[in-house]
């Protein structure tokens, strides 16, 4: 009779618990804007090196 009153806790999926499944970022960038930003930074760095020696 003691076995009928046991409480089984849910499994955690083999230790692979994901806590932030629904967490999203408030700031999103498109891949094109990231590439353009990187190219702009490279151009600025090259311009500074060219003008300042």
C-alpha atoms as a PDB file:
ATOM      1  CA  UNK A   1       0.000   0.000   0.000  1.00  0.00           C
ATOM      2  CA  UNK A   2       2.931   2.332   0.586  1.00  0.00           C
ATOM      3  CA  UNK A   3       3.935   2.008  -3.055  1.00  0.00           C
ATOM      4  CA  UNK A   4       0.621   3.409  -4.291  1.00  0.00           C
ATOM      5  CA  UNK A   5       1.274   6.746  -2.556  1.00  0.00           C
ATOM      6  CA  UNK A   6       4.718   7.355  -4.049  1.00  0.00           C
ATOM      7  CA  UNK A   7       5.191  10.576  -5.964  1.00  0.00           C
ATOM      8  CA  UNK A   8       7.363  10.384  -9.059  1.00  0.00           C
ATOM      9  CA  UNK A   9       9.172  13.576 -10.021  1.00  0.00           C
ATOM     10  CA  UNK A  10       9.425  14.406 -13.735  1.00  0.00           C
ATOM     11  CA  UNK A  11      12.608  13.503 -15.541  1.00  0.00           C
ATOM     12  CA  UNK A  12      14.925  16.289 -16.679  1.00  0.00           C
ATOM     13  CA  UNK A  13      15.672  14.778 -20.080  1.00  0.00           C
ATOM     14  CA  UNK A  14      19.010  13.241 -19.197  1.00  0.00           C
ATOM     15  CA  UNK A  15      20.428  16.465 -17.787  1.00  0.00           C
ATOM     16  CA  UNK A  16      19.624  18.496 -20.894  1.00  0.00           C
ATOM     17  CA  UNK A  17      17.327  21.043 -19.293  1.00  0.00           C
ATOM     18  CA  UNK A  18      16.696  24.185 -21.319  1.00  0.00           C
ATOM     19  CA  UNK A  19      15.624  27.097 -19.167  1.00  0.00           C
ATOM     20  CA  UNK A  20      15.485  29.917 -21.725  1.00  0.00           C
ATOM     21  CA  UNK A  21      13.460  28.401 -24.562  1.00  0.00           C
ATOM     22  CA  UNK A  22      11.140  31.401 -24.839  1.00  0.00           C
ATOM     23  CA  UNK A  23      13.654  34.129 -24.043  1.00  0.00           C
ATOM     24  CA  UNK A  24      14.244  36.361 -27.031  1.00  0.00           C
ATOM     25  CA  UNK A  25      16.422  39.348 -27.657  1.00  0.00           C
ATOM     26  CA  UNK A  26      14.942  42.830 -27.846  1.00  0.00           C
ATOM     27  CA  UNK A  27      17.612  43.904 -30.336  1.00  0.00           C
ATOM     28  CA  UNK A  28      17.696  42.038 -33.626  1.00  0.00           C
ATOM     29  CA  UNK A  29      20.004  42.535 -36.595  1.00  0.00           C
ATOM     30  CA  UNK A  30      19.631  41.247 -40.111  1.00  0.00           C
ATOM     31  CA  UNK A  31      22.631  39.436 -41.588  1.00  0.00           C
ATOM     32  CA  UNK A  32      22.995  42.194 -44.198  1.00  0.00           C
ATOM     33  CA  UNK A  33      23.267  44.905 -41.529  1.00  0.00           C
ATOM     34  CA  UNK A  34      25.936  42.930 -39.671  1.00  0.00           C
ATOM     35  CA  UNK A  35      28.018  42.513 -42.835  1.00  0.00           C
ATOM     36  CA  UNK A  36      27.616  46.194 -43.743  1.00  0.00           C
ATOM     37  CA  UNK A  37      28.630  47.204 -40.225  1.00  0.00           C
ATOM     38  CA  UNK A  38      31.765  45.069 -40.374  1.00  0.00           C
ATOM     39  CA  UNK A  39      32.696  46.463 -43.799  1.00  0.00           C
ATOM     40  CA  UNK A  40      32.159  50.015 -42.514  1.00  0.00           C
ATOM     41  CA  UNK A  41      34.426  49.374 -39.515  1.00  0.00           C
ATOM     42  CA  UNK A  42      37.139  47.934 -41.792  1.00  0.00           C
ATOM     43  CA  UNK A  43      36.938  50.980 -44.075  1.00  0.00           C
ATOM     44  CA  UNK A  44      37.209  53.359 -41.107  1.00  0.00           C
ATOM     45  CA  UNK A  45      40.222  51.478 -39.716  1.00  0.00           C
ATOM     46  CA  UNK A  46      41.970  51.486 -43.103  1.00  0.00           C
ATOM     47  CA  UNK A  47      41.237  55.196 -43.587  1.00  0.00           C
ATOM     48  CA  UNK A  48      42.668  56.052 -40.161  1.00  0.00           C
ATOM     49  CA  UNK A  49      45.808  53.982 -40.848  1.00  0.00           C
ATOM     50  CA  UNK A  50      46.219  55.604 -44.268  1.00  0.00           C
ATOM     51  CA  UNK A  51      45.842  59.191 -43.052  1.00  0.00           C
ATOM     52  CA  UNK A  52      47.723  58.855 -39.767  1.00  0.00           C
ATOM     53  CA  UNK A  53      50.532  56.845 -41.168  1.00  0.00           C
END
